[in-house]
Protein backbone atom coordinates (compact mmCIF):
# COMPACT_ATOMS: atom_id res chain seq x y z
CA MET A 1 -1.46 -92.24 -34.33
CA SER A 2 -0.55 -93.37 -30.72
CA VAL A 3 -3.26 -92.99 -28.20
CA ALA A 4 -1.84 -91.93 -24.54
CA PRO A 5 -5.15 -91.60 -22.38
CA LYS A 6 -4.85 -90.22 -18.96
CA ARG A 7 -4.87 -93.42 -16.66
CA PRO A 8 -6.57 -93.40 -13.04
CA LYS A 9 -4.34 -92.52 -10.17
CA GLY A 10 -4.37 -94.41 -7.02
CA PRO A 11 -3.93 -92.41 -3.74
CA PRO A 12 -0.62 -91.21 -2.54
CA LEU A 13 1.68 -93.87 -0.89
CA ASN A 14 2.43 -91.47 1.78
CA ALA A 15 -1.38 -91.08 2.59
CA MET A 16 -1.92 -94.94 2.49
CA ARG A 17 1.01 -95.34 4.90
CA ALA A 18 -0.15 -92.71 7.39
CA PHE A 19 -3.62 -94.22 7.36
CA GLU A 20 -2.08 -97.80 8.02
CA ALA A 21 -0.03 -96.66 10.97
CA ALA A 22 -2.95 -94.50 12.33
CA ALA A 23 -5.46 -97.45 12.13
CA ARG A 24 -2.87 -99.85 13.70
CA HIS A 25 -2.31 -97.32 16.65
CA VAL A 26 -5.75 -95.79 16.54
CA SER A 27 -3.88 -92.71 17.24
CA PHE A 28 -2.68 -89.79 15.00
CA VAL A 29 0.00 -89.01 17.65
CA ALA A 30 1.58 -92.59 17.90
CA ALA A 31 1.49 -92.61 14.19
CA ALA A 32 2.99 -89.55 13.81
CA GLU A 33 6.06 -90.76 16.17
CA GLU A 34 6.27 -93.79 14.13
CA LEU A 35 6.70 -92.32 10.87
CA ASN A 36 8.82 -89.29 12.17
CA VAL A 37 6.31 -86.71 11.14
CA THR A 38 3.93 -84.25 13.03
CA PRO A 39 0.35 -85.26 13.96
CA GLY A 40 -1.05 -82.56 11.76
CA ALA A 41 0.56 -84.12 8.73
CA ILE A 42 -0.94 -87.40 9.51
CA SER A 43 -4.29 -85.66 9.85
CA GLN A 44 -3.91 -83.99 6.47
CA HIS A 45 -2.61 -87.46 4.72
CA ILE A 46 -5.91 -89.02 6.14
CA LYS A 47 -8.07 -86.04 4.91
CA THR A 48 -6.41 -86.77 1.52
CA LEU A 49 -7.23 -90.24 1.67
CA GLU A 50 -10.79 -89.76 2.73
CA GLY A 51 -11.10 -87.21 0.13
CA TRP A 52 -10.04 -89.73 -2.40
CA ALA A 53 -12.24 -92.57 -1.36
CA GLY A 54 -15.25 -90.48 -0.72
CA THR A 55 -15.90 -91.45 2.72
CA PRO A 56 -14.71 -90.79 6.29
CA LEU A 57 -12.33 -93.36 7.74
CA PHE A 58 -11.93 -92.16 11.19
CA GLN A 59 -14.34 -90.18 13.62
CA ARG A 60 -12.66 -87.26 15.32
CA ASN A 61 -13.66 -86.39 18.93
CA ALA A 62 -12.19 -84.64 22.10
CA GLN A 63 -10.79 -88.04 23.34
CA GLY A 64 -9.01 -88.71 20.20
CA VAL A 65 -9.91 -90.91 17.05
CA ALA A 66 -11.69 -94.02 16.34
CA LEU A 67 -12.22 -96.06 12.91
CA THR A 68 -15.32 -95.82 11.12
CA ALA A 69 -16.58 -99.04 9.80
CA GLU A 70 -15.13 -98.48 6.49
CA GLY A 71 -11.81 -97.60 8.02
CA GLN A 72 -11.94 -100.82 10.06
CA ALA A 73 -12.62 -102.83 6.99
CA LEU A 74 -9.30 -101.79 5.46
CA VAL A 75 -7.09 -102.46 8.37
CA ALA A 76 -6.09 -106.13 7.75
CA ASP A 77 -5.36 -105.55 3.88
CA PHE A 78 -3.46 -102.36 4.63
CA THR A 79 -1.50 -104.17 7.20
CA ALA A 80 -0.48 -107.12 5.49
CA ALA A 81 0.45 -104.99 2.21
CA PHE A 82 2.75 -102.85 4.44
CA ASP A 83 4.29 -105.74 6.35
CA GLN A 84 5.04 -107.19 2.83
CA LEU A 85 6.64 -103.88 1.52
CA ALA A 86 8.70 -103.96 4.74
CA ASP A 87 9.84 -107.48 4.11
CA ALA A 88 10.78 -106.53 0.53
CA ALA A 89 12.76 -103.36 1.86
CA ARG A 90 14.65 -105.50 4.24
CA ALA A 91 15.36 -108.11 1.43
CA LEU A 92 16.80 -105.16 -0.71
CA ARG A 93 18.85 -103.78 2.14
CA ASN A 94 20.39 -107.54 2.84
CA LEU A 95 21.88 -107.61 -0.87
CA THR A 96 24.49 -104.90 0.40
CA PRO A 97 27.76 -107.04 1.47
CA ASN A 98 27.73 -106.79 5.30
CA PRO A 99 24.67 -104.29 5.82
CA ASP A 100 24.84 -102.34 9.13
CA PHE A 101 23.28 -104.23 11.97
CA HIS A 102 20.73 -101.72 13.51
CA ILE A 103 19.76 -101.81 17.23
CA ALA A 104 17.10 -99.81 18.74
CA ALA A 105 17.33 -99.28 22.63
CA LEU A 106 16.07 -97.33 25.43
CA PRO A 107 18.55 -94.22 25.99
CA ALA A 108 19.46 -95.60 29.62
CA VAL A 109 20.00 -98.79 28.15
CA ALA A 110 21.95 -97.35 25.03
CA GLN A 111 24.17 -95.45 27.56
CA LEU A 112 24.65 -97.77 30.46
CA TRP A 113 24.13 -101.57 29.55
CA LEU A 114 24.75 -101.91 26.05
CA PRO A 115 28.41 -100.52 25.61
CA LYS A 116 30.30 -102.97 27.39
CA ARG A 117 28.44 -105.86 25.83
CA LEU A 118 28.48 -104.32 22.44
CA ARG A 119 32.26 -104.37 22.57
CA GLN A 120 31.96 -107.90 23.14
CA VAL A 121 29.76 -108.32 20.10
CA ARG A 122 31.97 -106.32 18.01
CA ALA A 123 35.14 -108.38 18.86
CA GLN A 124 33.38 -111.60 17.71
CA PHE A 125 31.90 -109.97 14.35
CA PRO A 126 34.75 -107.44 13.19
CA GLU A 127 33.16 -107.38 9.77
CA ILE A 128 29.68 -106.07 10.82
CA THR A 129 29.11 -102.12 11.51
CA PHE A 130 26.78 -101.97 14.42
CA SER A 131 24.62 -98.89 14.67
CA VAL A 132 22.64 -97.95 17.92
CA THR A 133 19.58 -95.73 17.73
CA ALA A 134 18.29 -94.52 21.17
CA MET A 135 14.49 -94.21 21.40
CA GLU A 136 11.88 -93.76 24.15
CA THR A 137 9.61 -96.31 22.78
CA PRO A 138 10.11 -99.81 21.01
CA PRO A 139 9.94 -99.59 17.04
CA SER A 140 7.78 -102.21 15.20
CA LEU A 141 10.50 -104.76 14.04
CA ALA A 142 8.07 -106.02 11.50
CA ARG A 143 8.21 -102.45 9.68
CA GLU A 144 11.46 -100.53 10.67
CA MET A 145 14.89 -101.57 9.69
CA PHE A 146 16.06 -102.36 13.00
CA ASP A 147 17.57 -105.83 13.57
CA LEU A 148 16.83 -106.06 17.52
CA SER A 149 15.25 -103.80 20.02
CA ILE A 150 16.30 -103.54 23.75
CA PHE A 151 13.66 -102.26 26.14
CA PHE A 152 12.28 -102.84 29.52
CA GLY A 153 8.84 -104.32 29.46
CA VAL A 154 6.51 -107.14 30.98
CA PRO A 155 7.69 -110.53 29.61
CA ASP A 156 5.17 -112.12 27.47
CA GLY A 157 6.83 -115.47 26.44
CA ALA A 158 6.82 -114.63 22.94
CA ALA A 159 9.32 -116.61 20.99
CA ASP A 160 10.72 -113.47 19.48
CA GLN A 161 11.50 -112.20 23.01
CA VAL A 162 14.72 -112.81 25.21
CA ALA A 163 14.38 -111.70 29.00
CA VAL A 164 17.81 -110.66 29.76
CA CYS A 165 17.36 -109.83 33.59
CA ALA A 166 14.68 -108.62 35.80
CA ASP A 167 14.32 -105.16 36.86
CA ALA A 168 14.66 -104.39 40.33
CA ILE A 169 15.41 -101.13 42.07
CA LEU A 170 16.94 -99.84 45.22
CA PRO A 171 18.26 -96.48 46.67
CA VAL A 172 21.84 -95.56 45.86
CA CYS A 173 24.02 -92.64 46.33
CA ALA A 174 27.74 -91.50 46.42
CA PRO A 175 29.76 -93.08 49.11
CA THR A 176 30.18 -89.43 50.87
CA LEU A 177 26.31 -88.95 51.24
CA LEU A 178 25.82 -92.73 52.55
CA PRO A 179 25.96 -91.98 56.40
CA GLU A 180 23.35 -88.94 56.05
CA ALA A 181 21.24 -91.03 53.86
CA LYS A 182 21.32 -94.08 56.09
CA GLU A 183 20.46 -92.04 59.19
CA ASP A 184 17.23 -90.25 57.57
CA LEU A 185 16.33 -90.93 53.95
CA THR A 186 13.61 -88.58 54.10
CA ALA A 187 16.01 -85.67 54.78
CA VAL A 188 18.23 -86.10 51.73
CA THR A 189 17.38 -84.82 48.26
CA HIS A 190 15.75 -87.59 45.82
CA LEU A 191 16.80 -87.60 42.43
CA HIS A 192 14.13 -88.66 39.80
CA ASP A 193 14.17 -89.97 36.17
CA GLN A 194 11.21 -88.69 34.29
CA THR A 195 10.62 -92.05 32.54
CA TRP A 196 10.22 -93.92 35.91
CA GLU A 197 8.44 -91.14 37.99
CA GLU A 198 6.85 -94.02 40.18
CA ASP A 199 10.19 -95.57 41.42
CA TRP A 200 10.22 -93.85 44.71
CA ALA A 201 6.72 -94.71 45.36
CA LEU A 202 6.79 -98.22 44.45
CA TRP A 203 9.93 -98.74 46.45
CA ALA A 204 8.40 -97.21 49.66
CA ALA A 205 5.52 -99.41 49.25
CA HIS A 206 7.65 -102.54 48.89
CA SER A 207 9.92 -101.89 51.64
CA GLY A 208 7.64 -100.13 54.05
CA ALA A 209 9.85 -97.31 54.48
CA GLU A 210 8.73 -93.57 54.87
CA VAL A 211 9.67 -91.53 52.26
CA SER A 212 7.94 -88.23 52.87
CA GLN A 213 9.49 -86.19 50.05
CA SER A 214 9.40 -88.87 47.49
CA LYS A 215 7.69 -86.57 44.69
CA GLY A 216 10.10 -83.74 45.34
CA GLY A 217 13.74 -83.39 44.09
CA PRO A 218 15.50 -82.68 40.68
CA ARG A 219 14.03 -84.58 37.56
CA PHE A 220 16.07 -85.63 34.76
CA SER A 221 14.91 -86.46 31.22
CA LEU A 222 17.98 -88.83 30.83
CA TYR A 223 18.48 -91.61 33.34
CA SER A 224 22.35 -91.31 32.79
CA LEU A 225 22.20 -87.70 34.00
CA ALA A 226 20.53 -88.91 37.26
CA MET A 227 23.28 -91.31 37.78
CA GLU A 228 25.95 -88.62 37.25
CA GLU A 229 24.39 -86.52 39.68
CA ALA A 230 24.08 -89.17 42.29
CA LYS A 231 27.59 -90.14 41.71
CA ALA A 232 28.60 -86.28 42.21
CA GLY A 233 26.66 -86.41 45.45
CA ALA A 234 23.73 -84.31 44.53
CA GLY A 235 21.28 -86.72 46.12
CA VAL A 236 19.91 -90.31 46.32
CA LEU A 237 18.85 -92.21 43.10
CA MET A 238 16.48 -95.15 42.97
CA GLY A 239 18.75 -97.46 40.98
CA HIS A 240 17.94 -99.76 38.47
CA LEU A 241 20.10 -102.70 39.15
CA CYS A 242 20.89 -103.87 35.60
CA LEU A 243 21.98 -100.09 34.53
CA ILE A 244 24.05 -99.17 37.71
CA GLU A 245 26.13 -102.58 37.99
CA GLU A 246 29.46 -101.13 36.77
CA ALA A 247 28.79 -98.03 39.22
CA LEU A 248 28.15 -100.42 42.16
CA ALA A 249 31.25 -102.61 40.89
CA SER A 250 33.41 -99.61 40.97
CA GLY A 251 32.41 -98.26 44.13
CA ALA A 252 31.16 -94.89 42.43
CA LEU A 253 27.62 -95.68 43.73
CA VAL A 254 26.60 -97.57 47.13
CA ALA A 255 23.33 -99.04 48.08
CA VAL A 256 21.60 -97.00 50.91
CA GLU A 257 19.20 -100.14 51.45
CA GLU A 258 20.11 -103.69 50.55
CA THR A 259 17.04 -105.46 49.69
CA PRO A 260 15.80 -104.43 46.04
CA CYS A 261 12.20 -104.12 44.74
CA PRO A 262 11.26 -105.80 41.77
CA THR A 263 9.36 -103.67 39.41
CA GLY A 264 7.45 -106.29 37.57
CA ARG A 265 9.12 -105.74 34.43
CA SER A 266 12.48 -107.15 32.55
CA LEU A 267 15.08 -106.05 30.17
CA LEU A 268 13.96 -107.52 27.04
CA ILE A 269 15.59 -108.01 23.61
CA ALA A 270 13.13 -108.38 20.83
CA GLN A 271 13.82 -109.77 17.58
CA PRO A 272 12.22 -109.59 14.02
CA HIS A 273 10.11 -112.77 13.03
CA PRO A 274 12.90 -115.48 12.13
CA ALA A 275 12.03 -114.84 8.21
CA ARG A 276 13.33 -111.29 8.73
CA ARG A 277 16.35 -112.10 10.82
CA ARG A 278 19.99 -111.73 9.76
CA ALA A 279 22.11 -114.90 9.91
CA GLU A 280 23.99 -113.71 12.78
CA THR A 281 21.13 -112.59 14.92
CA ALA A 282 21.15 -115.67 17.09
CA GLU A 283 24.79 -115.42 17.94
CA ILE A 284 24.64 -111.69 18.76
CA VAL A 285 21.54 -112.17 21.18
CA ALA A 286 23.53 -114.82 22.85
CA VAL A 287 26.30 -112.65 23.58
CA LEU A 288 24.02 -109.60 24.48
CA SER A 289 22.15 -111.65 27.04
CA GLY A 290 25.07 -114.01 28.25
């Protein structure tokens, strides 16, 4: 007679994944954004794991969460385990003939900077399908199935990072609005992108110009929308030069002031660790950054 005893079960994989992300970010909200679930789902997964382990892994308070000593002791092993799982998933994906090449980019970059360069890349690699995902924060290239990410940030000299161009801003508008804007920049409508709320104040501090209504004016969740409004003559936009290069070249936008203000950031292309890169990655980065 065969014996089939019940075997002890480990904790749910999704609960362990939630703990690892929350522990790495020390935030349920950031973990939820990474895993595309709600913070409440992360909290429930953590409670499940704590119940299975019989000990709290996080301390909860009004300011957020913090790892307990027991939770902190688990972080390195969990991180290494999920790094290895991501590597295995990437290796499995790469078994597919000509798998899609996935690029993550800030929405403004995906809409305004990337298309012209992606056409050049597609021309050189017609056998590859390129997919682009617009997102507000850079993904973890160690975990997610992205082959590149393109975002603004402060260069840190990392080998996996390519600085394409320094970010600099200056006020721009439609040609029809230029005389009025040059006469009195404080009297025209200022357009704002919600991602870069500090642009007007930063430029004013750098240039010494008085911009009394820099906090007023319409706000847009997408920089491309703000740029279209500027083209339509709705107001003056603080233009990021690497994003508005085509609009300036075509004359759709013109500079109100000629001296740009550096923001301290750069447009950065981030690559996975060399062991996780596709064979074509270096050539694709060369075309995009050229």
